[in-house]
Amino acid sequence: MGCCLSTPAFYHPDLLAVLQVQGKHVFTSWRITPLLKTHAPSPLYMRARDPDWSRNSPVAIELVDILNGALKDMGGWPICETIRCWSAIRFPVGSAPPKMVEAFKKVCQQVNEAKLFNMGLQCRAGMYKIERRSDLPPGNEFCVLVEKRDDEKLRNVEALDTLEYSSSLKFLAMGPCPPRDQRDHHAAVTTWSPPANWMARVQ
């Protein structure tokens, strides 16, 4: 209580919105998160989100629909069928598969070229380190950032590269789950691939 969390490396004044895959019990859909306003007790996070990126603005709704359509075309968030931790019959993987991150980078590139660049905006997908608790190290979280257009930012230097992220998954712990379940979870994350023709269906 009262401890300030560190500002994510990707934060900058032209960052308009952060989107993540969320759901009540499973990862069901992309949504604009409250990260910018409530992540830490700092004035930087309390600023109003750009009006064009409010939850109900047409361009925000369209981007969320495109991301959710792409997720559906990929078969949805991966499920590990063999984990029995917490008595769950079907267990959604707790980490974004590296190939899914790469797939959404392509989706963002397509959206940028078809729409956002012409509006002076851009989006980019990646794994970013975010500190949620002051007593724990930052975790790797899958995000799509929406920003004012900046060719330098498109280099995505704040994101983990695919090799770095894939290597970090080797050390991912799943709390009380037994070793076999942890191995199954790791395999489900690292071997996942989207269907061969998923990109053809992305509009």
N, C-alpha and C. Protein backbone atom coordinates (compact mmCIF):
# COMPACT_ATOMS: atom_id res chain seq x y z
N MET A 1 0.85 -1.18 0.00
CA MET A 1 0.00 0.00 0.00
C MET A 1 0.88 1.23 0.00
N GLY A 2 0.72 2.08 -0.99
CA GLY A 2 1.52 3.28 -1.04
C GLY A 2 2.80 3.11 -1.83
N CYS A 3 3.15 1.85 -2.19
CA CYS A 3 4.36 1.62 -2.97
C CYS A 3 4.05 1.89 -4.44
N CYS A 4 4.94 2.62 -5.10
CA CYS A 4 4.76 2.91 -6.52
C CYS A 4 5.35 1.79 -7.35
N LEU A 5 4.64 1.41 -8.39
CA LEU A 5 5.15 0.41 -9.32
C LEU A 5 5.91 1.13 -10.42
N SER A 6 6.90 0.44 -10.97
CA SER A 6 7.72 1.08 -11.99
C SER A 6 6.95 1.27 -13.29
N THR A 7 7.28 2.33 -14.00
CA THR A 7 6.64 2.63 -15.28
C THR A 7 7.14 1.65 -16.34
N PRO A 8 6.26 1.02 -17.11
CA PRO A 8 6.72 0.11 -18.17
C PRO A 8 7.60 0.84 -19.17
N ALA A 9 8.56 0.11 -19.74
CA ALA A 9 9.49 0.73 -20.69
C ALA A 9 8.77 1.23 -21.93
N PHE A 10 7.61 0.66 -22.26
CA PHE A 10 6.92 1.06 -23.48
C PHE A 10 6.08 2.33 -23.28
N TYR A 11 6.00 2.84 -22.06
CA TYR A 11 5.16 4.01 -21.82
C TYR A 11 5.79 5.27 -22.42
N HIS A 12 4.99 6.08 -23.08
CA HIS A 12 5.44 7.38 -23.60
C HIS A 12 4.20 8.24 -23.82
N PRO A 13 4.35 9.54 -23.94
CA PRO A 13 3.17 10.43 -24.01
C PRO A 13 2.24 10.16 -25.19
N ASP A 14 2.74 9.58 -26.29
CA ASP A 14 1.90 9.33 -27.45
C ASP A 14 1.28 7.94 -27.46
N LEU A 15 1.40 7.21 -26.35
CA LEU A 15 0.73 5.92 -26.21
C LEU A 15 -0.74 6.18 -25.89
N LEU A 16 -1.63 5.69 -26.75
CA LEU A 16 -3.05 5.98 -26.62
C LEU A 16 -3.84 4.88 -25.92
N ALA A 17 -3.46 3.63 -26.13
CA ALA A 17 -4.22 2.53 -25.55
C ALA A 17 -3.36 1.27 -25.49
N VAL A 18 -3.71 0.40 -24.57
CA VAL A 18 -3.08 -0.91 -24.44
C VAL A 18 -4.20 -1.95 -24.49
N LEU A 19 -4.05 -2.94 -25.36
CA LEU A 19 -5.04 -4.00 -25.47
C LEU A 19 -4.41 -5.32 -25.05
N GLN A 20 -5.20 -6.15 -24.37
CA GLN A 20 -4.75 -7.48 -23.96
C GLN A 20 -5.90 -8.47 -24.13
N VAL A 21 -5.54 -9.75 -24.24
CA VAL A 21 -6.55 -10.80 -24.31
C VAL A 21 -6.98 -11.11 -22.88
N GLN A 22 -8.28 -10.95 -22.63
CA GLN A 22 -8.80 -11.12 -21.27
C GLN A 22 -10.07 -11.94 -21.27
N GLY A 23 -10.47 -12.39 -20.10
CA GLY A 23 -11.72 -13.11 -19.91
C GLY A 23 -11.91 -13.39 -18.45
N LYS A 24 -13.12 -13.78 -18.06
CA LYS A 24 -13.39 -14.00 -16.65
C LYS A 24 -12.61 -15.20 -16.12
N HIS A 25 -12.68 -16.33 -16.80
CA HIS A 25 -11.96 -17.52 -16.36
C HIS A 25 -11.03 -18.05 -17.45
N VAL A 26 -11.24 -17.64 -18.68
CA VAL A 26 -10.39 -18.07 -19.79
C VAL A 26 -10.05 -16.84 -20.61
N PHE A 27 -9.05 -16.99 -21.47
CA PHE A 27 -8.66 -15.88 -22.35
C PHE A 27 -9.60 -15.90 -23.54
N THR A 28 -10.57 -14.99 -23.55
CA THR A 28 -11.63 -15.09 -24.55
C THR A 28 -11.56 -14.04 -25.64
N SER A 29 -11.11 -12.81 -25.32
CA SER A 29 -11.17 -11.76 -26.33
C SER A 29 -10.21 -10.62 -26.01
N TRP A 30 -9.87 -9.88 -27.07
CA TRP A 30 -9.05 -8.68 -26.92
C TRP A 30 -9.90 -7.55 -26.35
N ARG A 31 -9.35 -6.80 -25.42
CA ARG A 31 -10.05 -5.67 -24.83
C ARG A 31 -9.06 -4.55 -24.52
N ILE A 32 -9.56 -3.31 -24.53
CA ILE A 32 -8.74 -2.19 -24.07
C ILE A 32 -8.65 -2.30 -22.56
N THR A 33 -7.45 -2.29 -22.03
CA THR A 33 -7.26 -2.48 -20.59
C THR A 33 -7.18 -1.13 -19.88
N PRO A 34 -7.40 -1.13 -18.57
CA PRO A 34 -7.27 0.11 -17.79
C PRO A 34 -5.85 0.38 -17.36
N LEU A 35 -4.89 -0.27 -18.00
CA LEU A 35 -3.49 -0.17 -17.59
C LEU A 35 -3.01 1.27 -17.49
N LEU A 36 -3.37 2.10 -18.46
CA LEU A 36 -2.85 3.46 -18.47
C LEU A 36 -3.36 4.29 -17.30
N LYS A 37 -4.52 3.96 -16.78
CA LYS A 37 -5.10 4.79 -15.73
C LYS A 37 -4.87 4.24 -14.32
N THR A 38 -4.72 2.94 -14.19
CA THR A 38 -4.69 2.38 -12.85
C THR A 38 -3.46 1.53 -12.55
N HIS A 39 -2.51 1.47 -13.47
CA HIS A 39 -1.36 0.61 -13.24
C HIS A 39 -0.55 1.03 -12.02
N ALA A 40 -0.42 2.33 -11.77
CA ALA A 40 0.38 2.80 -10.64
C ALA A 40 -0.11 4.15 -10.17
N PRO A 41 0.12 4.48 -8.90
CA PRO A 41 -0.32 5.78 -8.38
C PRO A 41 0.59 6.91 -8.83
N SER A 42 0.65 7.10 -10.12
CA SER A 42 1.51 8.13 -10.70
C SER A 42 0.68 9.00 -11.63
N PRO A 43 0.93 10.31 -11.67
CA PRO A 43 0.17 11.20 -12.56
C PRO A 43 0.23 10.76 -14.02
N LEU A 44 1.32 10.08 -14.42
CA LEU A 44 1.44 9.63 -15.81
C LEU A 44 0.30 8.69 -16.18
N TYR A 45 -0.14 7.89 -15.21
CA TYR A 45 -1.15 6.90 -15.50
C TYR A 45 -2.56 7.42 -15.30
N MET A 46 -2.70 8.60 -14.70
CA MET A 46 -4.02 9.12 -14.41
C MET A 46 -4.53 10.04 -15.51
N ARG A 47 -3.72 10.28 -16.54
CA ARG A 47 -4.18 11.17 -17.60
C ARG A 47 -5.34 10.54 -18.35
N ALA A 48 -6.17 11.36 -18.93
CA ALA A 48 -7.31 10.84 -19.70
C ALA A 48 -6.81 10.16 -20.96
N ARG A 49 -7.44 9.07 -21.32
CA ARG A 49 -7.08 8.41 -22.58
C ARG A 49 -7.56 9.29 -23.73
N ASP A 50 -6.84 9.28 -24.83
CA ASP A 50 -7.21 10.07 -26.00
C ASP A 50 -8.66 9.76 -26.37
N PRO A 51 -9.50 10.78 -26.60
CA PRO A 51 -10.92 10.55 -26.90
C PRO A 51 -11.16 9.59 -28.06
N ASP A 52 -10.25 9.59 -29.05
CA ASP A 52 -10.43 8.68 -30.18
C ASP A 52 -10.18 7.23 -29.80
N TRP A 53 -9.66 6.99 -28.58
CA TRP A 53 -9.42 5.63 -28.16
C TRP A 53 -10.19 5.28 -26.90
N SER A 54 -11.30 5.96 -26.71
CA SER A 54 -12.21 5.55 -25.64
C SER A 54 -12.81 4.22 -26.03
N ARG A 55 -13.37 3.51 -25.08
CA ARG A 55 -13.89 2.17 -25.35
C ARG A 55 -14.96 2.17 -26.44
N ASN A 56 -15.69 3.25 -26.59
CA ASN A 56 -16.82 3.27 -27.52
C ASN A 56 -16.55 4.00 -28.83
N SER A 57 -15.31 4.43 -29.08
CA SER A 57 -15.05 5.14 -30.31
C SER A 57 -15.03 4.15 -31.48
N PRO A 58 -15.48 4.56 -32.67
CA PRO A 58 -15.55 3.63 -33.82
C PRO A 58 -14.22 2.99 -34.18
N VAL A 59 -13.13 3.76 -34.16
CA VAL A 59 -11.84 3.19 -34.57
C VAL A 59 -11.35 2.18 -33.55
N ALA A 60 -11.60 2.43 -32.25
CA ALA A 60 -11.20 1.47 -31.23
C ALA A 60 -12.01 0.19 -31.35
N ILE A 61 -13.31 0.33 -31.56
CA ILE A 61 -14.18 -0.84 -31.71
C ILE A 61 -13.76 -1.67 -32.92
N GLU A 62 -13.42 -0.99 -34.02
CA GLU A 62 -13.02 -1.70 -35.23
C GLU A 62 -11.73 -2.49 -35.01
N LEU A 63 -10.75 -1.86 -34.33
CA LEU A 63 -9.49 -2.57 -34.09
C LEU A 63 -9.72 -3.78 -33.19
N VAL A 64 -10.50 -3.62 -32.13
CA VAL A 64 -10.80 -4.74 -31.24
C VAL A 64 -11.49 -5.86 -32.03
N ASP A 65 -12.43 -5.50 -32.91
CA ASP A 65 -13.12 -6.50 -33.72
C ASP A 65 -12.14 -7.24 -34.64
N ILE A 66 -11.19 -6.51 -35.23
CA ILE A 66 -10.21 -7.14 -36.12
C ILE A 66 -9.33 -8.11 -35.33
N LEU A 67 -8.87 -7.68 -34.16
CA LEU A 67 -8.02 -8.55 -33.35
C LEU A 67 -8.78 -9.80 -32.89
N ASN A 68 -10.03 -9.61 -32.49
CA ASN A 68 -10.82 -10.76 -32.06
C ASN A 68 -11.15 -11.68 -33.23
N GLY A 69 -11.37 -11.10 -34.41
CA GLY A 69 -11.60 -11.92 -35.59
C GLY A 69 -10.37 -12.76 -35.92
N ALA A 70 -9.19 -12.15 -35.79
CA ALA A 70 -7.95 -12.88 -36.05
C ALA A 70 -7.76 -13.99 -35.03
N LEU A 71 -8.06 -13.69 -33.76
CA LEU A 71 -7.94 -14.72 -32.72
C LEU A 71 -8.87 -15.90 -33.01
N LYS A 72 -10.07 -15.59 -33.45
CA LYS A 72 -11.03 -16.66 -33.82
C LYS A 72 -10.51 -17.47 -34.99
N ASP A 73 -9.96 -16.78 -36.01
CA ASP A 73 -9.44 -17.48 -37.18
C ASP A 73 -8.25 -18.37 -36.84
N MET A 74 -7.55 -18.01 -35.74
CA MET A 74 -6.42 -18.83 -35.29
C MET A 74 -6.88 -20.03 -34.45
N GLY A 75 -8.18 -20.10 -34.20
CA GLY A 75 -8.71 -21.19 -33.39
C GLY A 75 -8.93 -20.83 -31.94
N GLY A 76 -8.82 -19.54 -31.62
CA GLY A 76 -9.01 -19.11 -30.25
C GLY A 76 -7.75 -19.30 -29.41
N TRP A 77 -7.85 -18.89 -28.15
CA TRP A 77 -6.71 -19.03 -27.24
C TRP A 77 -6.45 -20.52 -26.99
N PRO A 78 -5.20 -20.95 -27.01
CA PRO A 78 -4.90 -22.39 -26.87
C PRO A 78 -5.37 -22.97 -25.53
N ILE A 79 -5.82 -24.19 -25.59
CA ILE A 79 -6.27 -24.94 -24.42
C ILE A 79 -5.39 -26.17 -24.24
N CYS A 80 -4.95 -26.40 -23.01
CA CYS A 80 -4.22 -27.63 -22.71
C CYS A 80 -5.21 -28.64 -22.16
N GLU A 81 -5.38 -29.74 -22.85
CA GLU A 81 -6.41 -30.72 -22.50
C GLU A 81 -5.97 -31.68 -21.40
N THR A 82 -4.69 -31.73 -21.08
CA THR A 82 -4.20 -32.77 -20.18
C THR A 82 -3.98 -32.31 -18.76
N ILE A 83 -4.06 -30.99 -18.49
CA ILE A 83 -3.77 -30.48 -17.15
C ILE A 83 -4.99 -30.68 -16.25
N ARG A 84 -4.75 -31.19 -15.06
CA ARG A 84 -5.83 -31.39 -14.09
C ARG A 84 -5.64 -30.53 -12.84
N CYS A 85 -4.77 -29.56 -12.93
CA CYS A 85 -4.52 -28.67 -11.79
C CYS A 85 -5.80 -27.91 -11.44
N TRP A 86 -6.09 -27.74 -10.15
CA TRP A 86 -7.28 -27.02 -9.67
C TRP A 86 -8.56 -27.69 -10.20
N SER A 87 -8.50 -28.99 -10.50
CA SER A 87 -9.67 -29.76 -10.94
C SER A 87 -10.26 -29.25 -12.25
N ALA A 88 -9.50 -28.51 -13.02
CA ALA A 88 -9.99 -28.01 -14.31
C ALA A 88 -9.92 -29.13 -15.34
N ILE A 89 -10.97 -29.25 -16.15
CA ILE A 89 -10.99 -30.27 -17.19
C ILE A 89 -10.24 -29.78 -18.42
N ARG A 90 -10.45 -28.52 -18.78
CA ARG A 90 -9.76 -27.92 -19.92
C ARG A 90 -9.10 -26.65 -19.41
N PHE A 91 -7.81 -26.54 -19.57
CA PHE A 91 -7.04 -25.48 -18.94
C PHE A 91 -6.45 -24.55 -20.00
N PRO A 92 -6.87 -23.27 -20.03
CA PRO A 92 -6.26 -22.35 -21.01
C PRO A 92 -4.81 -22.09 -20.64
N VAL A 93 -3.95 -22.09 -21.64
CA VAL A 93 -2.53 -21.85 -21.35
C VAL A 93 -2.37 -20.45 -20.76
N GLY A 94 -1.44 -20.32 -19.83
CA GLY A 94 -1.27 -19.06 -19.13
C GLY A 94 -0.29 -18.11 -19.78
N SER A 95 0.32 -18.52 -20.87
CA SER A 95 1.28 -17.67 -21.57
C SER A 95 0.97 -17.65 -23.06
N ALA A 96 1.24 -16.52 -23.68
CA ALA A 96 1.00 -16.43 -25.12
C ALA A 96 2.02 -17.27 -25.88
N PRO A 97 1.57 -18.13 -26.78
CA PRO A 97 2.52 -18.90 -27.60
C PRO A 97 3.37 -17.96 -28.45
N PRO A 98 4.66 -18.20 -28.56
CA PRO A 98 5.51 -17.33 -29.39
C PRO A 98 5.00 -17.15 -30.81
N LYS A 99 4.46 -18.23 -31.41
CA LYS A 99 3.96 -18.11 -32.79
C LYS A 99 2.69 -17.28 -32.87
N MET A 100 1.93 -17.21 -31.76
CA MET A 100 0.76 -16.33 -31.75
C MET A 100 1.19 -14.87 -31.70
N VAL A 101 2.23 -14.59 -30.93
CA VAL A 101 2.76 -13.23 -30.87
C VAL A 101 3.21 -12.79 -32.26
N GLU A 102 3.94 -13.68 -32.95
CA GLU A 102 4.40 -13.35 -34.30
C GLU A 102 3.22 -13.16 -35.25
N ALA A 103 2.17 -13.97 -35.09
CA ALA A 103 1.00 -13.85 -35.96
C ALA A 103 0.33 -12.50 -35.77
N PHE A 104 0.20 -12.04 -34.53
CA PHE A 104 -0.46 -10.76 -34.29
C PHE A 104 0.42 -9.58 -34.71
N LYS A 105 1.71 -9.78 -34.77
CA LYS A 105 2.56 -8.73 -35.36
C LYS A 105 2.18 -8.52 -36.83
N LYS A 106 1.88 -9.60 -37.52
CA LYS A 106 1.46 -9.51 -38.93
C LYS A 106 0.09 -8.84 -39.03
N VAL A 107 -0.81 -9.17 -38.10
CA VAL A 107 -2.12 -8.53 -38.10
C VAL A 107 -1.98 -7.03 -37.92
N CYS A 108 -1.14 -6.62 -36.97
CA CYS A 108 -0.94 -5.19 -36.72
C CYS A 108 -0.34 -4.51 -37.94
N GLN A 109 0.61 -5.15 -38.59
CA GLN A 109 1.20 -4.57 -39.79
C GLN A 109 0.14 -4.35 -40.86
N GLN A 110 -0.75 -5.33 -41.02
CA GLN A 110 -1.81 -5.21 -42.02
C GLN A 110 -2.77 -4.08 -41.67
N VAL A 111 -3.15 -3.98 -40.39
CA VAL A 111 -4.06 -2.91 -39.95
C VAL A 111 -3.41 -1.54 -40.13
N ASN A 112 -2.14 -1.46 -39.83
CA ASN A 112 -1.42 -0.19 -40.00
C ASN A 112 -1.46 0.26 -41.46
N GLU A 113 -1.12 -0.65 -42.35
CA GLU A 113 -1.04 -0.29 -43.76
C GLU A 113 -2.41 -0.02 -44.37
N ALA A 114 -3.44 -0.72 -43.90
CA ALA A 114 -4.78 -0.55 -44.46
C ALA A 114 -5.52 0.65 -43.89
N LYS A 115 -5.22 1.04 -42.65
CA LYS A 115 -6.05 2.05 -42.01
C LYS A 115 -5.28 3.04 -41.12
N LEU A 116 -4.54 2.53 -40.14
CA LEU A 116 -4.05 3.41 -39.08
C LEU A 116 -3.01 4.42 -39.55
N PHE A 117 -2.10 4.00 -40.45
CA PHE A 117 -1.09 4.95 -40.93
C PHE A 117 -1.73 6.19 -41.54
N ASN A 118 -2.81 6.00 -42.27
CA ASN A 118 -3.49 7.13 -42.90
C ASN A 118 -4.14 8.06 -41.89
N MET A 119 -4.33 7.57 -40.66
CA MET A 119 -4.92 8.37 -39.59
C MET A 119 -3.86 8.95 -38.67
N GLY A 120 -2.59 8.72 -39.02
CA GLY A 120 -1.50 9.19 -38.16
C GLY A 120 -1.32 8.35 -36.92
N LEU A 121 -1.77 7.08 -37.00
CA LEU A 121 -1.70 6.17 -35.86
C LEU A 121 -0.99 4.89 -36.25
N GLN A 122 -0.74 4.05 -35.27
CA GLN A 122 -0.13 2.75 -35.52
C GLN A 122 -0.47 1.82 -34.35
N CYS A 123 -0.36 0.51 -34.59
CA CYS A 123 -0.46 -0.46 -33.50
C CYS A 123 0.68 -1.45 -33.67
N ARG A 124 1.09 -2.05 -32.58
CA ARG A 124 2.16 -3.05 -32.62
C ARG A 124 1.95 -4.06 -31.51
N ALA A 125 2.22 -5.31 -31.81
CA ALA A 125 2.03 -6.40 -30.85
C ALA A 125 3.38 -6.88 -30.35
N GLY A 126 3.40 -7.36 -29.11
CA GLY A 126 4.63 -7.90 -28.56
C GLY A 126 4.46 -8.33 -27.12
N MET A 127 5.52 -8.90 -26.58
CA MET A 127 5.59 -9.26 -25.17
C MET A 127 6.33 -8.15 -24.43
N TYR A 128 5.69 -7.61 -23.42
CA TYR A 128 6.26 -6.47 -22.69
C TYR A 128 6.31 -6.79 -21.20
N LYS A 129 7.35 -6.29 -20.55
CA LYS A 129 7.49 -6.49 -19.10
C LYS A 129 6.63 -5.46 -18.36
N ILE A 130 5.74 -5.97 -17.50
CA ILE A 130 4.84 -5.11 -16.73
C ILE A 130 4.90 -5.54 -15.27
N GLU A 131 5.12 -4.58 -14.40
CA GLU A 131 5.14 -4.85 -12.96
C GLU A 131 3.74 -4.67 -12.39
N ARG A 132 3.16 -5.74 -11.89
CA ARG A 132 1.82 -5.69 -11.31
C ARG A 132 1.85 -5.55 -9.79
N ARG A 133 2.93 -6.07 -9.18
CA ARG A 133 3.07 -6.00 -7.72
C ARG A 133 4.49 -5.58 -7.38
N SER A 134 4.61 -4.73 -6.36
CA SER A 134 5.93 -4.22 -6.00
C SER A 134 6.82 -5.28 -5.38
N ASP A 135 6.22 -6.39 -4.89
CA ASP A 135 7.02 -7.44 -4.25
C ASP A 135 7.40 -8.56 -5.21
N LEU A 136 7.03 -8.42 -6.49
CA LEU A 136 7.36 -9.43 -7.49
C LEU A 136 8.05 -8.77 -8.68
N PRO A 137 8.92 -9.52 -9.38
CA PRO A 137 9.55 -8.95 -10.57
C PRO A 137 8.53 -8.76 -11.68
N PRO A 138 8.81 -7.87 -12.64
CA PRO A 138 7.88 -7.67 -13.76
C PRO A 138 7.66 -8.98 -14.52
N GLY A 139 6.43 -9.17 -15.01
CA GLY A 139 6.11 -10.35 -15.79
C GLY A 139 6.02 -10.02 -17.27
N ASN A 140 6.12 -11.04 -18.11
CA ASN A 140 5.99 -10.86 -19.55
C ASN A 140 4.52 -10.92 -19.93
N GLU A 141 3.99 -9.86 -20.53
CA GLU A 141 2.57 -9.82 -20.88
C GLU A 141 2.40 -9.49 -22.36
N PHE A 142 1.42 -10.16 -22.96
CA PHE A 142 1.12 -10.02 -24.39
C PHE A 142 0.20 -8.81 -24.57
N CYS A 143 0.66 -7.83 -25.33
CA CYS A 143 -0.10 -6.59 -25.51
C CYS A 143 -0.08 -6.14 -26.96
N VAL A 144 -1.10 -5.38 -27.32
CA VAL A 144 -1.08 -4.57 -28.53
C VAL A 144 -1.13 -3.12 -28.09
N LEU A 145 -0.15 -2.35 -28.51
CA LEU A 145 -0.07 -0.93 -28.17
C LEU A 145 -0.62 -0.11 -29.32
N VAL A 146 -1.38 0.92 -29.01
CA VAL A 146 -1.87 1.86 -30.01
C VAL A 146 -1.24 3.21 -29.71
N GLU A 147 -0.64 3.80 -30.74
CA GLU A 147 0.13 5.03 -30.54
C GLU A 147 -0.05 5.97 -31.72
N LYS A 148 0.38 7.19 -31.53
CA LYS A 148 0.54 8.08 -32.68
C LYS A 148 1.70 7.56 -33.51
N ARG A 149 1.60 7.72 -34.82
CA ARG A 149 2.58 7.09 -35.70
C ARG A 149 3.99 7.62 -35.44
N ASP A 150 4.92 6.67 -35.38
CA ASP A 150 6.32 6.99 -35.13
C ASP A 150 7.14 5.84 -35.69
N ASP A 151 7.87 6.09 -36.79
CA ASP A 151 8.62 5.01 -37.43
C ASP A 151 9.65 4.40 -36.49
N GLU A 152 10.21 5.20 -35.59
CA GLU A 152 11.19 4.69 -34.65
C GLU A 152 10.53 3.70 -33.68
N LYS A 153 9.32 4.03 -33.21
CA LYS A 153 8.63 3.15 -32.27
C LYS A 153 8.26 1.82 -32.93
N LEU A 154 8.06 1.82 -34.24
CA LEU A 154 7.71 0.58 -34.92
C LEU A 154 8.83 -0.46 -34.86
N ARG A 155 10.01 -0.02 -34.48
CA ARG A 155 11.11 -0.98 -34.30
C ARG A 155 10.86 -1.85 -33.07
N ASN A 156 9.93 -1.42 -32.19
CA ASN A 156 9.48 -2.23 -31.06
C ASN A 156 10.62 -2.64 -30.14
N VAL A 157 11.51 -1.70 -29.82
CA VAL A 157 12.69 -2.04 -29.04
C VAL A 157 12.36 -2.42 -27.60
N GLU A 158 11.17 -2.01 -27.10
CA GLU A 158 10.82 -2.34 -25.72
C GLU A 158 10.32 -3.77 -25.57
N ALA A 159 9.93 -4.40 -26.68
CA ALA A 159 9.37 -5.75 -26.62
C ALA A 159 10.49 -6.79 -26.58
N LEU A 160 10.18 -7.94 -25.96
CA LEU A 160 11.11 -9.06 -26.00
C LEU A 160 11.10 -9.65 -27.40
N ASP A 161 12.29 -9.98 -27.93
CA ASP A 161 12.28 -10.63 -29.23
C ASP A 161 11.84 -12.08 -29.02
N THR A 162 11.48 -12.73 -30.12
CA THR A 162 10.88 -14.06 -30.04
C THR A 162 11.80 -15.06 -29.35
N LEU A 163 13.08 -15.03 -29.65
CA LEU A 163 14.03 -15.97 -29.05
C LEU A 163 14.13 -15.73 -27.55
N GLU A 164 14.21 -14.46 -27.14
CA GLU A 164 14.31 -14.13 -25.72
C GLU A 164 13.06 -14.59 -24.97
N TYR A 165 11.89 -14.32 -25.56
CA TYR A 165 10.65 -14.73 -24.92
C TYR A 165 10.54 -16.25 -24.85
N SER A 166 10.86 -16.93 -25.95
CA SER A 166 10.79 -18.40 -25.96
C SER A 166 11.71 -19.00 -24.90
N SER A 167 12.88 -18.41 -24.72
CA SER A 167 13.82 -18.90 -23.71
C SER A 167 13.27 -18.70 -22.31
N SER A 168 12.55 -17.59 -22.09
CA SER A 168 12.02 -17.31 -20.75
C SER A 168 10.94 -18.31 -20.35
N LEU A 169 10.26 -18.92 -21.33
CA LEU A 169 9.20 -19.88 -21.03
C LEU A 169 9.74 -21.14 -20.35
N LYS A 170 11.01 -21.43 -20.52
CA LYS A 170 11.60 -22.62 -19.90
C LYS A 170 11.57 -22.52 -18.38
N PHE A 171 11.54 -21.27 -17.87
CA PHE A 171 11.62 -21.08 -16.43
C PHE A 171 10.27 -20.68 -15.83
N LEU A 172 9.20 -20.81 -16.63
CA LEU A 172 7.88 -20.43 -16.16
C LEU A 172 7.35 -21.47 -15.19
N ALA A 173 6.95 -21.00 -14.00
CA ALA A 173 6.40 -21.90 -12.98
C ALA A 173 4.89 -21.75 -12.93
N MET A 174 4.19 -22.83 -12.58
CA MET A 174 2.73 -22.82 -12.50
C MET A 174 2.27 -23.12 -11.08
N GLY A 175 2.93 -22.54 -10.11
CA GLY A 175 2.50 -22.67 -8.73
C GLY A 175 2.44 -24.11 -8.28
N PRO A 176 1.26 -24.55 -7.77
CA PRO A 176 1.15 -25.90 -7.18
C PRO A 176 1.00 -27.03 -8.18
N CYS A 177 0.93 -26.71 -9.46
CA CYS A 177 0.72 -27.78 -10.45
C CYS A 177 1.91 -28.74 -10.46
N PRO A 178 1.66 -30.05 -10.58
CA PRO A 178 2.75 -31.03 -10.59
C PRO A 178 3.64 -30.88 -11.82
N PRO A 179 4.86 -31.42 -11.76
CA PRO A 179 5.81 -31.28 -12.87
C PRO A 179 5.25 -31.75 -14.21
N ARG A 180 4.48 -32.84 -14.21
CA ARG A 180 3.95 -33.34 -15.49
C ARG A 180 3.04 -32.30 -16.13
N ASP A 181 2.18 -31.66 -15.33
CA ASP A 181 1.29 -30.63 -15.86
C ASP A 181 2.09 -29.44 -16.36
N GLN A 182 3.15 -29.10 -15.67
CA GLN A 182 3.97 -27.98 -16.11
C GLN A 182 4.64 -28.29 -17.43
N ARG A 183 5.08 -29.53 -17.61
CA ARG A 183 5.67 -29.93 -18.90
C ARG A 183 4.62 -29.88 -20.01
N ASP A 184 3.40 -30.35 -19.71
CA ASP A 184 2.34 -30.32 -20.72
C ASP A 184 1.99 -28.89 -21.11
N HIS A 185 1.95 -28.01 -20.11
CA HIS A 185 1.65 -26.60 -20.37
C HIS A 185 2.73 -25.99 -21.25
N HIS A 186 3.99 -26.26 -20.92
CA HIS A 186 5.10 -25.71 -21.71
C HIS A 186 5.02 -26.20 -23.15
N ALA A 187 4.70 -27.48 -23.32
CA ALA A 187 4.60 -28.03 -24.67
C ALA A 187 3.45 -27.39 -25.43
N ALA A 188 2.30 -27.18 -24.76
CA ALA A 188 1.14 -26.57 -25.42
C ALA A 188 1.44 -25.16 -25.89
N VAL A 189 2.23 -24.43 -25.10
CA VAL A 189 2.57 -23.04 -25.46
C VAL A 189 3.60 -23.01 -26.59
N THR A 190 4.63 -23.80 -26.47
CA THR A 190 5.76 -23.69 -27.41
C THR A 190 5.52 -24.39 -28.74
N THR A 191 4.58 -25.33 -28.79
CA THR A 191 4.34 -26.04 -30.06
C THR A 191 3.13 -25.52 -30.81
N TRP A 192 2.37 -24.59 -30.20
CA TRP A 192 1.17 -24.08 -30.87
C TRP A 192 1.52 -23.35 -32.16
N SER A 193 0.69 -23.55 -33.19
CA SER A 193 0.83 -22.81 -34.45
C SER A 193 -0.58 -22.49 -34.96
N PRO A 194 -0.74 -21.35 -35.65
CA PRO A 194 -2.05 -21.03 -36.21
C PRO A 194 -2.34 -21.90 -37.43
N PRO A 195 -3.61 -22.04 -37.81
CA PRO A 195 -3.94 -22.79 -39.03
C PRO A 195 -3.22 -22.19 -40.25
N ALA A 196 -2.95 -23.01 -41.22
CA ALA A 196 -2.18 -22.58 -42.38
C ALA A 196 -2.80 -21.40 -43.12
N ASN A 197 -4.11 -21.34 -43.18
CA ASN A 197 -4.78 -20.30 -44.00
C ASN A 197 -5.40 -19.19 -43.17
N TRP A 198 -4.99 -19.02 -41.90
CA TRP A 198 -5.68 -18.04 -41.04
C TRP A 198 -5.54 -16.63 -41.57
N MET A 199 -4.39 -16.28 -42.14
CA MET A 199 -4.16 -14.89 -42.56
C MET A 199 -5.07 -14.49 -43.70
N ALA A 200 -5.47 -15.44 -44.52
CA ALA A 200 -6.33 -15.14 -45.67
C ALA A 200 -7.70 -14.63 -45.22
N ARG A 201 -8.09 -14.97 -43.98
CA ARG A 201 -9.41 -14.58 -43.50
C ARG A 201 -9.39 -13.26 -42.73
N VAL A 202 -8.21 -12.72 -42.45
CA VAL A 202 -8.11 -11.47 -41.71
C VAL A 202 -8.41 -10.31 -42.65
N GLN A 203 -9.38 -9.49 -42.27
CA GLN A 203 -9.75 -8.34 -43.11
C GLN A 203 -9.11 -7.08 -42.55
